[in-house]
Amino acid sequence: MGDLGMSLIKLANYEEAEGTRAGPYTDFGADARGIATESRRIGTAAIAALKEREAALLTEHLIQEDKEKKQQAAAALEEAGATRFGGNPSKARKFAQLENEIASAEAAIVAAHAEYEKVKSRNEEILQAALDEAPQTLG
């Protein structure tokens, strides 16, 4: 969608220049300006939608990375004998804490992915509505 947005903005700039060159009082000039306006509106919407989706996806990836780091730390503690009966109680507490944090991170990943899908769906609906409203020259 980023390429689409940038392409539509470039099209808008081109049509604006052509409309200006052809003159505001000719049919071609007026049509070109109309295309420019619609292209710019849809392109801007596409770019905004992409930024919103990227933010949601970034959140999901950051939580995933955090979970993986915690899993590595838990594995290191487990290897060090934190789960062994009679082992170091401090390591055992830290291991249990990491296990709880990993479970929380997994739930957060599911929620972040659901939010990403919701944003994606909403953005696609908005873009489709904008395309449906656009003149036939853009559709």
Foldseek 3Di string as FASTA:
>chain_A
DLVQLVVLQVQLVVLQVVLVVVDVPDPSNVVSNLSSVLSNVLSVLLNVLVVVLVVLVVQLVVLVVVLVVLVVVLVVLVVVPLVPVPDDVVSVVSNVVSVVSNVVSVVVNVVSVVVSVVSVVVSVVVSVVSQVPRPPVSD
